[in-house]
Each structure stands twice: as C-alpha cells, then as structure tokens.
C-alpha cells in the first residue's frame, strides 16, 4: 500500500495561499459523487513514474503534456532515471499547492526499495478542462 496522499496543509484543503475552498478532490477537478475520485495529481504521478521507470513508453505522455514538458520527459526517459533492478518504483506520497485556479504544482516521493527520489511537476487545466503536465523535474537519489 502506498503512503498517504497529502496536500498543502497536511491533507486538508489547500490553504489560503492557493485561495481554495472545498475538498481537495473538488478543487482539483474531482466530481462530488459520494465516491472518492482520483485527483489529477495522483493519476499524473503514477503515469510519470511508469514512463520514467521504463514501464511505459514516453509517447504515453504525448496527449497528457503541453509546452516544453514533453521535450523534458523525452530527455529524462532516455536516461531511465527511475529504472531499477530490484523493487519497482512506487509513489509513496504526493503533495500539492494551487497557485491559481487551473494550475497545480505538485511533488511526489518515489520509493524503490531503500532508495527515495523526489519528483516535481506542474499541471494546468486547458480550455477543454483536461489537465496536462507543463513541467517536470526529478531530484537525485537519497
């Protein structure tokens, strides 16, 4: 089981710096149907880990990215920064900040065995109301 998913404010609604109200899933685009909806941060973190670990091809992010993010993903994926010989990398924790409506800056802790990596990414909602990754960075091993 993965670790808890947290947002700014330790799992509560993103704080006043993001100017949000409502639950994290409502603010991040989830429908309020009584059933928890996956947040876009969760879906994108899992997809990015799959691409950067070689489990999925980089073109899987083509329709989920915009601007320079896809070019950066190509460069990162060529190096295979999350490829491991042992334990498969998993998302252990996610946090986010909402700098403005329609934008989310997120981080994820990625674990593989005893290794821990940091990944940061930015999501922006387009006119079609779909979230796309517009930036991605990966920190070194610890």
C-alpha atoms as a PDB file:
ATOM      1  CA  UNK A   1       0.000   0.000   0.000  1.00  0.00           C
ATOM      2  CA  UNK A   2       1.293   3.446  -0.836  1.00  0.00           C
ATOM      3  CA  UNK A   3       1.759   6.144   1.747  1.00  0.00           C
ATOM      4  CA  UNK A   4      -0.828   8.798   2.364  1.00  0.00           C
ATOM      5  CA  UNK A   5      -1.632  11.458  -0.168  1.00  0.00           C
ATOM      6  CA  UNK A   6      -1.214  14.917   1.274  1.00  0.00           C
ATOM      7  CA  UNK A   7      -1.779  18.430   0.053  1.00  0.00           C
ATOM      8  CA  UNK A   8      -0.609  21.753   1.350  1.00  0.00           C
ATOM      9  CA  UNK A   9      -1.979  21.913   4.850  1.00  0.00           C
ATOM     10  CA  UNK A  10      -1.144  18.227   5.558  1.00  0.00           C
ATOM     11  CA  UNK A  11      -4.037  16.542   3.817  1.00  0.00           C
ATOM     12  CA  UNK A  12      -6.598  19.280   4.280  1.00  0.00           C
ATOM     13  CA  UNK A  13      -7.946  21.731   1.793  1.00  0.00           C
ATOM     14  CA  UNK A  14      -5.096  23.691   0.187  1.00  0.00           C
ATOM     15  CA  UNK A  15      -4.527  26.743   2.326  1.00  0.00           C
ATOM     16  CA  UNK A  16      -5.244  30.399   1.643  1.00  0.00           C
ATOM     17  CA  UNK A  17      -2.024  30.775  -0.366  1.00  0.00           C
ATOM     18  CA  UNK A  18      -3.872  28.884  -3.098  1.00  0.00           C
ATOM     19  CA  UNK A  19      -7.163  30.638  -2.413  1.00  0.00           C
ATOM     20  CA  UNK A  20      -9.092  27.372  -2.458  1.00  0.00           C
ATOM     21  CA  UNK A  21     -12.242  26.168  -0.809  1.00  0.00           C
ATOM     22  CA  UNK A  22     -13.979  22.815  -0.742  1.00  0.00           C
ATOM     23  CA  UNK A  23     -12.348  19.415  -0.557  1.00  0.00           C
ATOM     24  CA  UNK A  24      -9.076  18.685  -2.352  1.00  0.00           C
ATOM     25  CA  UNK A  25     -10.793  16.444  -4.908  1.00  0.00           C
ATOM     26  CA  UNK A  26     -13.408  19.104  -5.650  1.00  0.00           C
ATOM     27  CA  UNK A  27     -10.772  21.783  -6.014  1.00  0.00           C
ATOM     28  CA  UNK A  28      -8.525  19.603  -8.152  1.00  0.00           C
ATOM     29  CA  UNK A  29     -11.284  18.673 -10.570  1.00  0.00           C
ATOM     30  CA  UNK A  30     -12.878  15.593  -8.982  1.00  0.00           C
ATOM     31  CA  UNK A  31     -16.646  15.208  -9.108  1.00  0.00           C
ATOM     32  CA  UNK A  32     -18.528  15.068  -5.826  1.00  0.00           C
ATOM     33  CA  UNK A  33     -20.482  11.843  -6.248  1.00  0.00           C
ATOM     34  CA  UNK A  34     -20.050  10.332  -2.800  1.00  0.00           C
ATOM     35  CA  UNK A  35     -17.329   8.105  -4.245  1.00  0.00           C
ATOM     36  CA  UNK A  36     -13.759   9.339  -3.866  1.00  0.00           C
ATOM     37  CA  UNK A  37     -12.442  10.432  -7.254  1.00  0.00           C
ATOM     38  CA  UNK A  38      -8.724  10.138  -8.019  1.00  0.00           C
ATOM     39  CA  UNK A  39      -7.053  13.525  -8.049  1.00  0.00           C
ATOM     40  CA  UNK A  40      -5.208  14.564 -11.205  1.00  0.00           C
ATOM     41  CA  UNK A  41      -2.029  14.742  -9.103  1.00  0.00           C
ATOM     42  CA  UNK A  42      -2.356  11.028  -8.286  1.00  0.00           C
ATOM     43  CA  UNK A  43      -3.013   9.975 -11.870  1.00  0.00           C
ATOM     44  CA  UNK A  44      -0.158  12.066 -13.280  1.00  0.00           C
ATOM     45  CA  UNK A  45       2.353  10.964 -10.632  1.00  0.00           C
ATOM     46  CA  UNK A  46       1.626   7.295 -11.411  1.00  0.00           C
ATOM     47  CA  UNK A  47       1.879   7.889 -15.166  1.00  0.00           C
ATOM     48  CA  UNK A  48       5.119   9.857 -14.844  1.00  0.00           C
ATOM     49  CA  UNK A  49       6.683   7.118 -12.702  1.00  0.00           C
ATOM     50  CA  UNK A  50       5.648   4.487 -15.259  1.00  0.00           C
ATOM     51  CA  UNK A  51       7.288   6.483 -18.075  1.00  0.00           C
ATOM     52  CA  UNK A  52      10.455   7.405 -16.174  1.00  0.00           C
ATOM     53  CA  UNK A  53      10.960   3.823 -14.981  1.00  0.00           C
ATOM     54  CA  UNK A  54      10.582   2.370 -18.476  1.00  0.00           C
ATOM     55  CA  UNK A  55       7.293   0.585 -17.737  1.00  0.00           C
ATOM     56  CA  UNK A  56       5.503   2.709 -20.346  1.00  0.00           C
ATOM     57  CA  UNK A  57       6.855   4.468 -23.449  1.00  0.00           C
ATOM     58  CA  UNK A  58       7.363   8.223 -23.290  1.00  0.00           C
ATOM     59  CA  UNK A  59       4.780   8.758 -26.036  1.00  0.00           C
ATOM     60  CA  UNK A  60       2.165   7.678 -23.465  1.00  0.00           C
ATOM     61  CA  UNK A  61       2.514  11.257 -22.147  1.00  0.00           C
ATOM     62  CA  UNK A  62       2.066  12.927 -25.543  1.00  0.00           C
ATOM     63  CA  UNK A  63      -1.598  13.857 -25.104  1.00  0.00           C
ATOM     64  CA  UNK A  64      -1.112  14.447 -21.361  1.00  0.00           C
ATOM     65  CA  UNK A  65       1.577  17.112 -21.682  1.00  0.00           C
ATOM     66  CA  UNK A  66       1.926  20.604 -23.109  1.00  0.00           C
ATOM     67  CA  UNK A  67       4.705  23.020 -23.912  1.00  0.00           C
ATOM     68  CA  UNK A  68       8.276  22.061 -23.025  1.00  0.00           C
ATOM     69  CA  UNK A  69       7.173  19.287 -20.642  1.00  0.00           C
ATOM     70  CA  UNK A  70       7.088  16.595 -23.340  1.00  0.00           C
ATOM     71  CA  UNK A  71      10.592  17.527 -24.544  1.00  0.00           C
ATOM     72  CA  UNK A  72      11.851  17.344 -20.960  1.00  0.00           C
ATOM     73  CA  UNK A  73      10.179  13.959 -20.497  1.00  0.00           C
ATOM     74  CA  UNK A  74      11.939  12.648 -23.609  1.00  0.00           C
ATOM     75  CA  UNK A  75      15.310  13.751 -22.188  1.00  0.00           C
ATOM     76  CA  UNK A  76      14.550  12.259 -18.769  1.00  0.00           C
ATOM     77  CA  UNK A  77      13.169   8.984 -20.145  1.00  0.00           C
ATOM     78  CA  UNK A  78      16.281   8.415 -22.280  1.00  0.00           C
ATOM     79  CA  UNK A  79      18.332   8.299 -19.087  1.00  0.00           C
ATOM     80  CA  UNK A  80      15.829   5.980 -17.362  1.00  0.00           C
ATOM     81  CA  UNK A  81      16.218   7.737 -14.004  1.00  0.00           C
ATOM     82  CA  UNK A  82      13.735   5.510 -12.163  1.00  0.00           C
ATOM     83  CA  UNK A  83      14.759   2.176 -13.692  1.00  0.00           C
ATOM     84  CA  UNK A  84      15.753  -0.325 -11.043  1.00  0.00           C
ATOM     85  CA  UNK A  85      16.953  -3.906 -10.960  1.00  0.00           C
ATOM     86  CA  UNK A  86      15.132  -4.741  -7.762  1.00  0.00           C
ATOM     87  CA  UNK A  87      11.980  -3.216  -6.359  1.00  0.00           C
ATOM     88  CA  UNK A  88       9.663  -1.483  -8.796  1.00  0.00           C
ATOM     89  CA  UNK A  89       9.364   2.293  -8.129  1.00  0.00           C
ATOM     90  CA  UNK A  90       6.132   3.394  -6.454  1.00  0.00           C
ATOM     91  CA  UNK A  91       4.605   6.719  -5.497  1.00  0.00           C
ATOM     92  CA  UNK A  92       4.868   6.920  -1.722  1.00  0.00           C
ATOM     93  CA  UNK A  93       3.450  10.372  -1.104  1.00  0.00           C
ATOM     94  CA  UNK A  94       2.074  13.340  -3.035  1.00  0.00           C
ATOM     95  CA  UNK A  95       1.689  16.953  -2.023  1.00  0.00           C
ATOM     96  CA  UNK A  96       0.446  19.957  -3.941  1.00  0.00           C
ATOM     97  CA  UNK A  97      -0.051  23.696  -3.963  1.00  0.00           C
ATOM     98  CA  UNK A  98      -2.629  25.599  -6.000  1.00  0.00           C
ATOM     99  CA  UNK A  99      -1.019  28.905  -7.086  1.00  0.00           C
ATOM    100  CA  UNK A 100      -4.084  29.918  -9.100  1.00  0.00           C
ATOM    101  CA  UNK A 101      -7.298  28.435 -10.439  1.00  0.00           C
ATOM    102  CA  UNK A 102      -6.494  25.875 -13.126  1.00  0.00           C
ATOM    103  CA  UNK A 103      -2.900  25.225 -12.035  1.00  0.00           C
ATOM    104  CA  UNK A 104      -1.403  22.751  -9.580  1.00  0.00           C
ATOM    105  CA  UNK A 105       2.224  22.484  -8.529  1.00  0.00           C
ATOM    106  CA  UNK A 106       2.849  19.020  -7.112  1.00  0.00           C
ATOM    107  CA  UNK A 107       5.621  16.919  -5.667  1.00  0.00           C
ATOM    108  CA  UNK A 108       5.881  13.192  -5.188  1.00  0.00           C
ATOM    109  CA  UNK A 109       8.188  10.989  -3.180  1.00  0.00           C
ATOM    110  CA  UNK A 110       9.140   7.961  -5.252  1.00  0.00           C
ATOM    111  CA  UNK A 111      10.452   4.877  -3.496  1.00  0.00           C
ATOM    112  CA  UNK A 112      12.176   1.804  -4.879  1.00  0.00           C
ATOM    113  CA  UNK A 113      13.495  -0.482  -2.193  1.00  0.00           C
ATOM    114  CA  UNK A 114      15.609   1.660   0.133  1.00  0.00           C
ATOM    115  CA  UNK A 115      16.042   4.435  -2.463  1.00  0.00           C
ATOM    116  CA  UNK A 116      13.954   7.590  -2.322  1.00  0.00           C
ATOM    117  CA  UNK A 117      13.659  10.148  -5.147  1.00  0.00           C
ATOM    118  CA  UNK A 118      11.778  13.426  -5.441  1.00  0.00           C
ATOM    119  CA  UNK A 119       9.702  14.408  -8.446  1.00  0.00           C
ATOM    120  CA  UNK A 120       8.035  17.767  -9.031  1.00  0.00           C
ATOM    121  CA  UNK A 121       5.530  18.553 -11.745  1.00  0.00           C
ATOM    122  CA  UNK A 122       3.076  21.245 -12.763  1.00  0.00           C
ATOM    123  CA  UNK A 123      -0.400  20.614 -14.119  1.00  0.00           C
ATOM    124  CA  UNK A 124      -2.536  23.131 -15.955  1.00  0.00           C
ATOM    125  CA  UNK A 125      -6.151  22.744 -16.975  1.00  0.00           C
ATOM    126  CA  UNK A 126      -6.783  23.616 -20.618  1.00  0.00           C
ATOM    127  CA  UNK A 127      -9.831  25.140 -22.246  1.00  0.00           C
ATOM    128  CA  UNK A 128     -11.108  21.605 -22.820  1.00  0.00           C
ATOM    129  CA  UNK A 129     -10.985  21.162 -18.981  1.00  0.00           C
ATOM    130  CA  UNK A 130      -8.350  18.401 -19.271  1.00  0.00           C
ATOM    131  CA  UNK A 131      -5.274  18.511 -17.064  1.00  0.00           C
ATOM    132  CA  UNK A 132      -1.881  18.460 -18.789  1.00  0.00           C
ATOM    133  CA  UNK A 133       1.629  18.319 -17.417  1.00  0.00           C
ATOM    134  CA  UNK A 134       3.506  21.516 -18.291  1.00  0.00           C
ATOM    135  CA  UNK A 135       6.731  20.925 -16.330  1.00  0.00           C
ATOM    136  CA  UNK A 136       8.532  18.014 -14.684  1.00  0.00           C
ATOM    137  CA  UNK A 137      11.739  17.745 -12.654  1.00  0.00           C
ATOM    138  CA  UNK A 138      13.350  14.797 -10.939  1.00  0.00           C
ATOM    139  CA  UNK A 139      15.655  15.047  -7.930  1.00  0.00           C
ATOM    140  CA  UNK A 140      18.596  12.777  -7.268  1.00  0.00           C
ATOM    141  CA  UNK A 141      18.757   9.637  -5.104  1.00  0.00           C
ATOM    142  CA  UNK A 142      18.960   9.808  -1.328  1.00  0.00           C
END
